[in-house]
Amino acid sequence: MAKISATEVRSGILIEWEKRLWRVVKSRHVHVGGRGGAYMQVEVKDIETGSKNNIRMHTDDKVERPFVETRKMRYLYAEEGGYIFMDEENYEQLTLENDFFEDREGYLIPDILIDVLLYEGRVIGATLPTSVVVKIVQTDPQAKGSTVTSSYKPAQVETGITVMVPPFIEEGIKIRISTDSGEYLERE
């Protein structure tokens, strides 16, 4: 096992904490002004029992990252109860259940490559890329005469999720969004 810094903990990876394996569901860097200092707030799920827990780590803490085999797999399509992926090396297909993505399945776009994690020969998780490019399918038009401001508007993307975007973004435009936070990053 290798040690990583608490600031390197991100959604989808596995960590060992209190002698158990946990899949990171969410991680957030929190900086408290003044005396508090910075810390990582991490939501994890036990891979054996499925129970969830919240962990607070100091940014200089080290955490064990167990050795897992990582395979690049391409997303093909969804079917009832899961998502079908193809191994890039041997072309075998694999079905991953919905719970592997912890409500992040809205970032699965056709042909996206993800890392599927295997521990002792069994699938224990999947890691999405840090960002994806998606097409806007529905949003309100920009009001005439308005200038670019810091206000954002909701926009639905091709995968069905809603993202807050700047007012100049229109239907049909492709944007890049973060798979960790779901935030708009840039126009493509």
N, C-alpha and C. Protein backbone atom coordinates (compact mmCIF):
# COMPACT_ATOMS: atom_id res chain seq x y z
N MET A 1 0.83 -1.17 0.00
CA MET A 1 0.00 0.00 0.00
C MET A 1 0.88 1.24 0.00
N ALA A 2 0.37 2.28 -0.62
CA ALA A 2 1.10 3.54 -0.70
C ALA A 2 0.37 4.60 0.10
N LYS A 3 1.13 5.52 0.62
CA LYS A 3 0.53 6.63 1.36
C LYS A 3 0.38 7.83 0.43
N ILE A 4 -0.77 8.49 0.55
CA ILE A 4 -1.00 9.72 -0.20
C ILE A 4 -1.40 10.82 0.79
N SER A 5 -1.21 12.04 0.36
CA SER A 5 -1.59 13.18 1.17
C SER A 5 -3.11 13.31 1.19
N ALA A 6 -3.65 13.83 2.27
CA ALA A 6 -5.10 14.01 2.38
C ALA A 6 -5.62 14.91 1.27
N THR A 7 -4.81 15.84 0.78
CA THR A 7 -5.25 16.74 -0.29
C THR A 7 -5.36 16.04 -1.64
N GLU A 8 -4.81 14.84 -1.76
CA GLU A 8 -4.90 14.06 -3.00
C GLU A 8 -6.12 13.15 -3.03
N VAL A 9 -6.88 13.11 -1.95
CA VAL A 9 -8.07 12.27 -1.88
C VAL A 9 -9.17 12.90 -2.73
N ARG A 10 -9.70 12.13 -3.68
CA ARG A 10 -10.77 12.63 -4.53
C ARG A 10 -11.81 11.55 -4.76
N SER A 11 -12.95 11.94 -5.27
CA SER A 11 -14.07 11.02 -5.47
C SER A 11 -13.65 9.83 -6.32
N GLY A 12 -14.10 8.64 -5.90
CA GLY A 12 -13.87 7.43 -6.67
C GLY A 12 -12.69 6.60 -6.24
N ILE A 13 -11.72 7.17 -5.52
CA ILE A 13 -10.55 6.37 -5.14
C ILE A 13 -10.84 5.56 -3.90
N LEU A 14 -9.98 4.59 -3.62
CA LEU A 14 -10.08 3.77 -2.42
C LEU A 14 -9.03 4.19 -1.42
N ILE A 15 -9.42 4.19 -0.16
CA ILE A 15 -8.48 4.46 0.90
C ILE A 15 -8.67 3.43 2.01
N GLU A 16 -7.63 3.23 2.82
CA GLU A 16 -7.76 2.40 4.00
C GLU A 16 -7.80 3.34 5.19
N TRP A 17 -8.85 3.22 5.99
CA TRP A 17 -9.03 4.07 7.16
C TRP A 17 -9.54 3.19 8.29
N GLU A 18 -8.86 3.20 9.41
CA GLU A 18 -9.22 2.37 10.55
C GLU A 18 -9.36 0.90 10.17
N LYS A 19 -8.39 0.41 9.40
CA LYS A 19 -8.27 -1.00 9.00
C LYS A 19 -9.44 -1.51 8.15
N ARG A 20 -10.11 -0.61 7.44
CA ARG A 20 -11.19 -0.98 6.52
C ARG A 20 -10.96 -0.29 5.20
N LEU A 21 -11.49 -0.90 4.11
CA LEU A 21 -11.40 -0.27 2.79
C LEU A 21 -12.64 0.58 2.56
N TRP A 22 -12.42 1.81 2.11
CA TRP A 22 -13.50 2.75 1.87
C TRP A 22 -13.36 3.33 0.47
N ARG A 23 -14.49 3.53 -0.20
CA ARG A 23 -14.51 4.23 -1.49
C ARG A 23 -14.91 5.66 -1.19
N VAL A 24 -14.15 6.62 -1.71
CA VAL A 24 -14.44 8.03 -1.48
C VAL A 24 -15.62 8.43 -2.36
N VAL A 25 -16.67 8.93 -1.72
CA VAL A 25 -17.86 9.38 -2.43
C VAL A 25 -17.71 10.85 -2.79
N LYS A 26 -17.32 11.65 -1.82
CA LYS A 26 -17.11 13.09 -2.03
C LYS A 26 -15.91 13.52 -1.20
N SER A 27 -15.18 14.47 -1.73
CA SER A 27 -14.12 15.07 -0.92
C SER A 27 -14.13 16.57 -1.18
N ARG A 28 -13.89 17.31 -0.11
CA ARG A 28 -13.97 18.75 -0.21
C ARG A 28 -12.88 19.36 0.66
N HIS A 29 -12.12 20.28 0.06
CA HIS A 29 -11.09 20.99 0.81
C HIS A 29 -11.76 22.18 1.47
N VAL A 30 -11.64 22.29 2.78
CA VAL A 30 -12.26 23.37 3.54
C VAL A 30 -11.17 24.21 4.17
N HIS A 31 -11.22 25.50 3.91
CA HIS A 31 -10.26 26.41 4.52
C HIS A 31 -11.02 27.38 5.41
N VAL A 32 -10.73 27.31 6.68
CA VAL A 32 -11.38 28.17 7.65
C VAL A 32 -10.42 29.31 7.96
N GLY A 33 -10.88 30.52 7.74
CA GLY A 33 -10.03 31.67 8.03
C GLY A 33 -9.73 31.77 9.51
N GLY A 34 -8.64 32.42 9.83
CA GLY A 34 -8.30 32.61 11.23
C GLY A 34 -7.55 31.44 11.80
N ARG A 35 -7.94 30.99 12.97
CA ARG A 35 -7.19 29.96 13.70
C ARG A 35 -7.48 28.54 13.27
N GLY A 36 -8.57 28.32 12.59
CA GLY A 36 -9.00 26.96 12.32
C GLY A 36 -8.09 26.15 11.43
N GLY A 37 -7.49 26.73 10.42
CA GLY A 37 -6.66 25.98 9.50
C GLY A 37 -7.50 25.25 8.46
N ALA A 38 -6.83 24.58 7.55
CA ALA A 38 -7.52 23.88 6.47
C ALA A 38 -7.65 22.40 6.81
N TYR A 39 -8.68 21.77 6.25
CA TYR A 39 -8.87 20.34 6.43
C TYR A 39 -9.63 19.79 5.22
N MET A 40 -9.65 18.47 5.12
CA MET A 40 -10.40 17.78 4.07
C MET A 40 -11.62 17.13 4.71
N GLN A 41 -12.79 17.41 4.17
CA GLN A 41 -14.02 16.75 4.61
C GLN A 41 -14.31 15.67 3.57
N VAL A 42 -14.29 14.42 3.98
CA VAL A 42 -14.38 13.30 3.04
C VAL A 42 -15.56 12.40 3.43
N GLU A 43 -16.45 12.16 2.47
CA GLU A 43 -17.54 11.21 2.66
C GLU A 43 -17.10 9.90 2.01
N VAL A 44 -17.17 8.81 2.77
CA VAL A 44 -16.71 7.52 2.29
C VAL A 44 -17.78 6.45 2.46
N LYS A 45 -17.64 5.37 1.68
CA LYS A 45 -18.56 4.24 1.76
C LYS A 45 -17.73 2.97 1.91
N ASP A 46 -18.06 2.17 2.89
CA ASP A 46 -17.37 0.91 3.15
C ASP A 46 -17.67 -0.04 2.00
N ILE A 47 -16.63 -0.61 1.39
CA ILE A 47 -16.87 -1.47 0.22
C ILE A 47 -17.45 -2.82 0.61
N GLU A 48 -17.31 -3.22 1.86
CA GLU A 48 -17.86 -4.51 2.29
C GLU A 48 -19.32 -4.40 2.72
N THR A 49 -19.61 -3.42 3.58
CA THR A 49 -20.95 -3.32 4.17
C THR A 49 -21.85 -2.31 3.48
N GLY A 50 -21.25 -1.36 2.77
CA GLY A 50 -22.05 -0.32 2.12
C GLY A 50 -22.40 0.84 3.04
N SER A 51 -21.96 0.79 4.29
CA SER A 51 -22.26 1.88 5.21
C SER A 51 -21.42 3.11 4.87
N LYS A 52 -21.99 4.28 5.14
CA LYS A 52 -21.31 5.53 4.84
C LYS A 52 -20.79 6.17 6.11
N ASN A 53 -19.75 6.98 5.95
CA ASN A 53 -19.13 7.66 7.07
C ASN A 53 -18.53 8.97 6.58
N ASN A 54 -18.40 9.94 7.47
CA ASN A 54 -17.72 11.19 7.15
C ASN A 54 -16.43 11.25 7.95
N ILE A 55 -15.35 11.62 7.25
CA ILE A 55 -14.03 11.69 7.87
C ILE A 55 -13.50 13.10 7.69
N ARG A 56 -12.92 13.65 8.74
CA ARG A 56 -12.26 14.94 8.65
C ARG A 56 -10.77 14.69 8.82
N MET A 57 -9.97 15.13 7.83
CA MET A 57 -8.53 14.93 7.87
C MET A 57 -7.84 16.28 7.79
N HIS A 58 -6.74 16.41 8.52
CA HIS A 58 -5.90 17.60 8.36
C HIS A 58 -5.23 17.51 7.00
N THR A 59 -4.95 18.64 6.38
CA THR A 59 -4.38 18.62 5.03
C THR A 59 -2.99 17.98 4.99
N ASP A 60 -2.28 17.95 6.11
CA ASP A 60 -0.96 17.32 6.12
C ASP A 60 -1.00 15.85 6.54
N ASP A 61 -2.18 15.30 6.80
CA ASP A 61 -2.32 13.88 7.13
C ASP A 61 -1.97 13.02 5.92
N LYS A 62 -1.53 11.82 6.20
CA LYS A 62 -1.27 10.82 5.16
C LYS A 62 -2.29 9.70 5.34
N VAL A 63 -2.74 9.15 4.23
CA VAL A 63 -3.72 8.07 4.28
C VAL A 63 -3.24 6.94 3.37
N GLU A 64 -3.51 5.70 3.78
CA GLU A 64 -3.10 4.54 3.00
C GLU A 64 -4.01 4.37 1.79
N ARG A 65 -3.40 4.14 0.65
CA ARG A 65 -4.15 3.84 -0.56
C ARG A 65 -3.81 2.41 -0.96
N PRO A 66 -4.76 1.48 -0.84
CA PRO A 66 -4.47 0.06 -1.12
C PRO A 66 -4.14 -0.16 -2.59
N PHE A 67 -3.37 -1.23 -2.84
CA PHE A 67 -3.05 -1.55 -4.22
C PHE A 67 -4.29 -2.13 -4.89
N VAL A 68 -4.69 -1.48 -5.94
CA VAL A 68 -5.82 -1.97 -6.73
C VAL A 68 -5.38 -1.98 -8.18
N GLU A 69 -5.91 -2.95 -8.90
CA GLU A 69 -5.66 -3.02 -10.33
C GLU A 69 -6.61 -2.03 -11.00
N THR A 70 -6.08 -1.24 -11.91
CA THR A 70 -6.89 -0.26 -12.62
C THR A 70 -6.95 -0.66 -14.09
N ARG A 71 -8.17 -0.74 -14.61
CA ARG A 71 -8.36 -1.05 -16.03
C ARG A 71 -9.11 0.09 -16.69
N LYS A 72 -8.63 0.50 -17.85
CA LYS A 72 -9.33 1.50 -18.65
C LYS A 72 -10.49 0.81 -19.35
N MET A 73 -11.69 1.36 -19.15
CA MET A 73 -12.86 0.80 -19.81
C MET A 73 -13.67 1.92 -20.45
N ARG A 74 -14.27 1.58 -21.58
CA ARG A 74 -15.06 2.53 -22.36
C ARG A 74 -16.54 2.30 -22.09
N TYR A 75 -17.25 3.40 -21.79
CA TYR A 75 -18.69 3.32 -21.54
C TYR A 75 -19.41 3.09 -22.87
N LEU A 76 -20.27 2.08 -22.91
CA LEU A 76 -21.01 1.76 -24.13
C LEU A 76 -22.46 2.22 -24.06
N TYR A 77 -23.21 1.72 -23.06
CA TYR A 77 -24.62 2.08 -22.96
C TYR A 77 -25.15 1.70 -21.59
N ALA A 78 -26.37 2.18 -21.29
CA ALA A 78 -27.02 1.86 -20.03
C ALA A 78 -28.12 0.85 -20.29
N GLU A 79 -28.35 -0.01 -19.31
CA GLU A 79 -29.48 -0.91 -19.34
C GLU A 79 -30.05 -0.96 -17.93
N GLU A 80 -31.18 -1.58 -17.76
CA GLU A 80 -31.83 -1.60 -16.47
C GLU A 80 -30.90 -2.16 -15.39
N GLY A 81 -30.66 -1.36 -14.37
CA GLY A 81 -29.85 -1.80 -13.24
C GLY A 81 -28.36 -1.59 -13.38
N GLY A 82 -27.88 -1.13 -14.53
CA GLY A 82 -26.44 -0.96 -14.65
C GLY A 82 -25.99 -0.30 -15.93
N TYR A 83 -24.68 -0.22 -16.04
CA TYR A 83 -24.03 0.43 -17.18
C TYR A 83 -23.03 -0.56 -17.78
N ILE A 84 -23.00 -0.63 -19.10
CA ILE A 84 -22.14 -1.58 -19.80
C ILE A 84 -20.86 -0.88 -20.24
N PHE A 85 -19.73 -1.51 -19.89
CA PHE A 85 -18.41 -1.00 -20.25
C PHE A 85 -17.63 -2.07 -20.99
N MET A 86 -16.67 -1.65 -21.82
CA MET A 86 -15.81 -2.57 -22.55
C MET A 86 -14.37 -2.34 -22.15
N ASP A 87 -13.68 -3.43 -21.79
CA ASP A 87 -12.26 -3.37 -21.44
C ASP A 87 -11.48 -2.99 -22.70
N GLU A 88 -10.62 -2.00 -22.61
CA GLU A 88 -9.86 -1.51 -23.76
C GLU A 88 -8.79 -2.50 -24.21
N GLU A 89 -8.36 -3.40 -23.34
CA GLU A 89 -7.30 -4.34 -23.71
C GLU A 89 -7.83 -5.62 -24.34
N ASN A 90 -8.83 -6.25 -23.71
CA ASN A 90 -9.27 -7.55 -24.19
C ASN A 90 -10.71 -7.54 -24.75
N TYR A 91 -11.33 -6.37 -24.78
CA TYR A 91 -12.67 -6.17 -25.36
C TYR A 91 -13.79 -6.92 -24.64
N GLU A 92 -13.53 -7.40 -23.44
CA GLU A 92 -14.59 -8.03 -22.65
C GLU A 92 -15.54 -6.96 -22.14
N GLN A 93 -16.82 -7.32 -22.03
CA GLN A 93 -17.79 -6.38 -21.51
C GLN A 93 -18.08 -6.65 -20.05
N LEU A 94 -18.39 -5.58 -19.32
CA LEU A 94 -18.62 -5.65 -17.89
C LEU A 94 -19.80 -4.75 -17.55
N THR A 95 -20.68 -5.22 -16.69
CA THR A 95 -21.81 -4.41 -16.22
C THR A 95 -21.49 -3.90 -14.83
N LEU A 96 -21.55 -2.59 -14.65
CA LEU A 96 -21.37 -1.98 -13.34
C LEU A 96 -22.71 -1.49 -12.84
N GLU A 97 -23.02 -1.82 -11.60
CA GLU A 97 -24.29 -1.41 -11.02
C GLU A 97 -24.31 0.10 -10.78
N ASN A 98 -25.51 0.64 -10.65
CA ASN A 98 -25.69 2.07 -10.46
C ASN A 98 -24.95 2.62 -9.25
N ASP A 99 -24.85 1.84 -8.17
CA ASP A 99 -24.25 2.37 -6.95
C ASP A 99 -22.75 2.60 -7.04
N PHE A 100 -22.09 2.11 -8.09
CA PHE A 100 -20.67 2.38 -8.26
C PHE A 100 -20.40 3.85 -8.54
N PHE A 101 -21.41 4.57 -8.99
CA PHE A 101 -21.21 5.96 -9.39
C PHE A 101 -21.75 6.96 -8.39
N GLU A 102 -22.46 6.50 -7.35
CA GLU A 102 -22.90 7.36 -6.27
C GLU A 102 -23.53 8.66 -6.78
N ASP A 103 -24.55 8.55 -7.60
CA ASP A 103 -25.28 9.70 -8.15
C ASP A 103 -24.44 10.56 -9.10
N ARG A 104 -23.39 9.99 -9.67
CA ARG A 104 -22.58 10.73 -10.64
C ARG A 104 -22.73 10.14 -12.05
N GLU A 105 -23.77 9.31 -12.24
CA GLU A 105 -23.98 8.70 -13.56
C GLU A 105 -24.35 9.73 -14.62
N GLY A 106 -24.73 10.92 -14.22
CA GLY A 106 -25.03 12.00 -15.17
C GLY A 106 -23.80 12.48 -15.91
N TYR A 107 -22.63 12.02 -15.52
CA TYR A 107 -21.39 12.38 -16.20
C TYR A 107 -20.93 11.31 -17.18
N LEU A 108 -21.71 10.22 -17.28
CA LEU A 108 -21.37 9.16 -18.23
C LEU A 108 -21.88 9.55 -19.61
N ILE A 109 -20.97 9.81 -20.50
CA ILE A 109 -21.32 10.14 -21.88
C ILE A 109 -20.77 9.03 -22.77
N PRO A 110 -21.39 8.81 -23.92
CA PRO A 110 -20.93 7.72 -24.80
C PRO A 110 -19.43 7.82 -25.11
N ASP A 111 -18.77 6.69 -25.06
CA ASP A 111 -17.35 6.52 -25.38
C ASP A 111 -16.39 7.13 -24.36
N ILE A 112 -16.88 7.54 -23.20
CA ILE A 112 -15.97 8.07 -22.18
C ILE A 112 -15.14 6.93 -21.61
N LEU A 113 -13.87 7.20 -21.36
CA LEU A 113 -12.99 6.22 -20.73
C LEU A 113 -12.97 6.47 -19.23
N ILE A 114 -13.16 5.41 -18.45
CA ILE A 114 -13.09 5.52 -17.00
C ILE A 114 -12.09 4.49 -16.49
N ASP A 115 -11.67 4.66 -15.25
CA ASP A 115 -10.82 3.67 -14.59
C ASP A 115 -11.71 2.80 -13.72
N VAL A 116 -11.71 1.49 -13.99
CA VAL A 116 -12.44 0.54 -13.17
C VAL A 116 -11.43 -0.07 -12.21
N LEU A 117 -11.79 -0.08 -10.92
CA LEU A 117 -10.88 -0.53 -9.88
C LEU A 117 -11.22 -1.95 -9.47
N LEU A 118 -10.19 -2.80 -9.44
CA LEU A 118 -10.35 -4.19 -9.02
C LEU A 118 -9.43 -4.45 -7.84
N TYR A 119 -9.99 -5.09 -6.81
CA TYR A 119 -9.22 -5.43 -5.61
C TYR A 119 -9.38 -6.93 -5.41
N GLU A 120 -8.27 -7.64 -5.46
CA GLU A 120 -8.26 -9.10 -5.33
C GLU A 120 -9.22 -9.74 -6.32
N GLY A 121 -9.25 -9.23 -7.55
CA GLY A 121 -10.02 -9.82 -8.65
C GLY A 121 -11.47 -9.42 -8.76
N ARG A 122 -11.98 -8.59 -7.86
CA ARG A 122 -13.38 -8.18 -7.98
C ARG A 122 -13.49 -6.66 -8.14
N VAL A 123 -14.52 -6.25 -8.85
CA VAL A 123 -14.74 -4.83 -9.10
C VAL A 123 -15.22 -4.18 -7.82
N ILE A 124 -14.53 -3.11 -7.43
CA ILE A 124 -14.90 -2.42 -6.19
C ILE A 124 -15.18 -0.93 -6.41
N GLY A 125 -14.98 -0.44 -7.62
CA GLY A 125 -15.24 0.98 -7.83
C GLY A 125 -14.91 1.41 -9.24
N ALA A 126 -15.22 2.66 -9.49
CA ALA A 126 -14.93 3.26 -10.80
C ALA A 126 -14.62 4.72 -10.58
N THR A 127 -13.63 5.22 -11.32
CA THR A 127 -13.21 6.60 -11.21
C THR A 127 -13.46 7.30 -12.54
N LEU A 128 -14.23 8.38 -12.50
CA LEU A 128 -14.50 9.17 -13.70
C LEU A 128 -13.35 10.13 -13.95
N PRO A 129 -13.21 10.63 -15.19
CA PRO A 129 -12.23 11.69 -15.43
C PRO A 129 -12.60 12.93 -14.61
N THR A 130 -11.68 13.85 -14.44
CA THR A 130 -11.95 15.03 -13.62
C THR A 130 -12.97 15.96 -14.26
N SER A 131 -13.10 15.90 -15.59
CA SER A 131 -14.10 16.74 -16.27
C SER A 131 -14.59 16.04 -17.53
N VAL A 132 -15.79 16.44 -17.98
CA VAL A 132 -16.35 15.90 -19.22
C VAL A 132 -16.92 17.04 -20.05
N VAL A 133 -17.01 16.79 -21.37
CA VAL A 133 -17.60 17.77 -22.28
C VAL A 133 -19.00 17.27 -22.64
N VAL A 134 -20.00 18.12 -22.42
CA VAL A 134 -21.39 17.77 -22.68
C VAL A 134 -22.06 18.88 -23.48
N LYS A 135 -23.15 18.51 -24.15
CA LYS A 135 -23.89 19.45 -24.98
C LYS A 135 -25.12 19.95 -24.22
N ILE A 136 -25.37 21.25 -24.31
CA ILE A 136 -26.55 21.85 -23.70
C ILE A 136 -27.76 21.53 -24.58
N VAL A 137 -28.81 20.95 -23.97
CA VAL A 137 -30.01 20.62 -24.74
C VAL A 137 -31.18 21.55 -24.42
N GLN A 138 -31.13 22.21 -23.25
CA GLN A 138 -32.21 23.13 -22.91
C GLN A 138 -31.71 24.17 -21.91
N THR A 139 -31.94 25.45 -22.25
CA THR A 139 -31.66 26.55 -21.33
C THR A 139 -32.43 27.78 -21.79
N ASP A 140 -32.62 28.71 -20.91
CA ASP A 140 -33.30 29.95 -21.27
C ASP A 140 -32.38 30.79 -22.13
N PRO A 141 -32.94 31.52 -23.13
CA PRO A 141 -32.09 32.39 -23.94
C PRO A 141 -31.59 33.57 -23.13
N GLN A 142 -30.49 34.16 -23.61
CA GLN A 142 -29.94 35.33 -22.93
C GLN A 142 -30.85 36.52 -23.18
N ALA A 143 -31.12 37.30 -22.15
CA ALA A 143 -31.99 38.48 -22.30
C ALA A 143 -31.27 39.52 -23.14
N LYS A 144 -31.99 40.12 -24.10
CA LYS A 144 -31.39 41.12 -24.97
C LYS A 144 -30.97 42.33 -24.16
N GLY A 145 -29.80 42.84 -24.49
CA GLY A 145 -29.31 44.04 -23.83
C GLY A 145 -28.63 43.78 -22.51
N SER A 146 -28.65 42.55 -22.05
CA SER A 146 -27.98 42.28 -20.78
C SER A 146 -26.49 42.07 -21.02
N THR A 147 -25.72 42.45 -20.06
CA THR A 147 -24.28 42.27 -20.16
C THR A 147 -23.88 41.04 -19.35
N VAL A 148 -22.66 40.59 -19.57
CA VAL A 148 -22.18 39.43 -18.83
C VAL A 148 -22.05 39.82 -17.36
N THR A 149 -22.70 39.06 -16.53
CA THR A 149 -22.64 39.33 -15.09
C THR A 149 -22.22 38.06 -14.37
N SER A 150 -22.17 38.15 -13.08
CA SER A 150 -21.78 36.97 -12.31
C SER A 150 -22.96 36.04 -12.05
N SER A 151 -24.16 36.39 -12.54
CA SER A 151 -25.31 35.52 -12.33
C SER A 151 -25.30 34.37 -13.33
N TYR A 152 -25.72 33.23 -12.86
CA TYR A 152 -25.75 32.03 -13.70
C TYR A 152 -27.20 31.60 -13.89
N LYS A 153 -27.43 30.78 -14.92
CA LYS A 153 -28.77 30.26 -15.18
C LYS A 153 -28.69 28.74 -15.30
N PRO A 154 -29.80 28.03 -15.05
CA PRO A 154 -29.78 26.57 -15.16
C PRO A 154 -29.81 26.14 -16.63
N ALA A 155 -29.10 25.05 -16.91
CA ALA A 155 -29.09 24.48 -18.26
C ALA A 155 -29.08 22.96 -18.13
N GLN A 156 -29.92 22.30 -18.92
CA GLN A 156 -29.95 20.84 -18.91
C GLN A 156 -29.02 20.35 -20.00
N VAL A 157 -28.20 19.33 -19.66
CA VAL A 157 -27.26 18.78 -20.63
C VAL A 157 -27.78 17.45 -21.16
N GLU A 158 -27.12 16.91 -22.16
CA GLU A 158 -27.57 15.72 -22.87
C GLU A 158 -27.73 14.49 -21.98
N THR A 159 -27.06 14.44 -20.84
CA THR A 159 -27.18 13.28 -19.95
C THR A 159 -28.32 13.43 -18.95
N GLY A 160 -28.99 14.58 -18.96
CA GLY A 160 -30.15 14.78 -18.09
C GLY A 160 -29.89 15.58 -16.84
N ILE A 161 -28.64 15.88 -16.52
CA ILE A 161 -28.37 16.67 -15.32
C ILE A 161 -28.49 18.15 -15.63
N THR A 162 -28.67 18.95 -14.59
CA THR A 162 -28.77 20.39 -14.73
C THR A 162 -27.51 21.03 -14.15
N VAL A 163 -26.96 21.98 -14.91
CA VAL A 163 -25.73 22.67 -14.54
C VAL A 163 -26.01 24.17 -14.58
N MET A 164 -25.44 24.91 -13.65
CA MET A 164 -25.54 26.36 -13.67
C MET A 164 -24.46 26.90 -14.60
N VAL A 165 -24.89 27.69 -15.61
CA VAL A 165 -23.97 28.19 -16.63
C VAL A 165 -24.08 29.72 -16.74
N PRO A 166 -23.07 30.37 -17.31
CA PRO A 166 -23.15 31.82 -17.53
C PRO A 166 -24.29 32.16 -18.51
N PRO A 167 -24.79 33.38 -18.48
CA PRO A 167 -25.94 33.74 -19.31
C PRO A 167 -25.70 33.66 -20.82
N PHE A 168 -24.45 33.73 -21.29
CA PHE A 168 -24.18 33.70 -22.73
C PHE A 168 -24.23 32.30 -23.32
N ILE A 169 -24.33 31.26 -22.50
CA ILE A 169 -24.39 29.87 -22.99
C ILE A 169 -25.79 29.60 -23.54
N GLU A 170 -25.83 29.06 -24.75
CA GLU A 170 -27.11 28.78 -25.42
C GLU A 170 -27.23 27.29 -25.73
N GLU A 171 -28.43 26.88 -26.14
CA GLU A 171 -28.67 25.49 -26.52
C GLU A 171 -27.76 25.11 -27.68
N GLY A 172 -27.29 23.87 -27.66
CA GLY A 172 -26.44 23.36 -28.73
C GLY A 172 -24.95 23.56 -28.48
N ILE A 173 -24.58 24.38 -27.52
CA ILE A 173 -23.18 24.64 -27.21
C ILE A 173 -22.65 23.52 -26.33
N LYS A 174 -21.37 23.19 -26.52
CA LYS A 174 -20.71 22.19 -25.67
C LYS A 174 -19.92 22.91 -24.60
N ILE A 175 -20.03 22.36 -23.38
CA ILE A 175 -19.31 22.93 -22.25
C ILE A 175 -18.55 21.84 -21.51
N ARG A 176 -17.57 22.24 -20.74
CA ARG A 176 -16.82 21.31 -19.89
C ARG A 176 -17.30 21.52 -18.46
N ILE A 177 -17.63 20.39 -17.79
CA ILE A 177 -18.06 20.46 -16.40
C ILE A 177 -17.20 19.54 -15.54
N SER A 178 -17.06 19.89 -14.28
CA SER A 178 -16.29 19.09 -13.33
C SER A 178 -17.13 17.90 -12.87
N THR A 179 -16.52 16.72 -12.85
CA THR A 179 -17.24 15.54 -12.37
C THR A 179 -17.21 15.45 -10.85
N ASP A 180 -16.35 16.20 -10.21
CA ASP A 180 -16.31 16.22 -8.74
C ASP A 180 -17.38 17.12 -8.15
N SER A 181 -17.51 18.33 -8.72
CA SER A 181 -18.43 19.32 -8.14
C SER A 181 -19.69 19.54 -8.97
N GLY A 182 -19.65 19.17 -10.25
CA GLY A 182 -20.80 19.42 -11.14
C GLY A 182 -20.85 20.85 -11.64
N GLU A 183 -19.79 21.60 -11.43
CA GLU A 183 -19.77 23.01 -11.82
C GLU A 183 -19.30 23.20 -13.26
N TYR A 184 -19.82 24.24 -13.88
CA TYR A 184 -19.39 24.68 -15.21
C TYR A 184 -17.93 25.12 -15.11
N LEU A 185 -17.09 24.67 -16.07
CA LEU A 185 -15.70 25.06 -16.09
C LEU A 185 -15.38 26.02 -17.23
N GLU A 186 -15.82 25.63 -18.46
CA GLU A 186 -15.53 26.47 -19.62
C GLU A 186 -16.37 26.05 -20.81
N ARG A 187 -16.40 26.92 -21.80
CA ARG A 187 -17.08 26.64 -23.05
C ARG A 187 -16.09 25.91 -23.96
N GLU A 188 -16.56 24.93 -24.68
CA GLU A 188 -15.68 24.18 -25.59
C GLU A 188 -15.77 24.72 -27.00
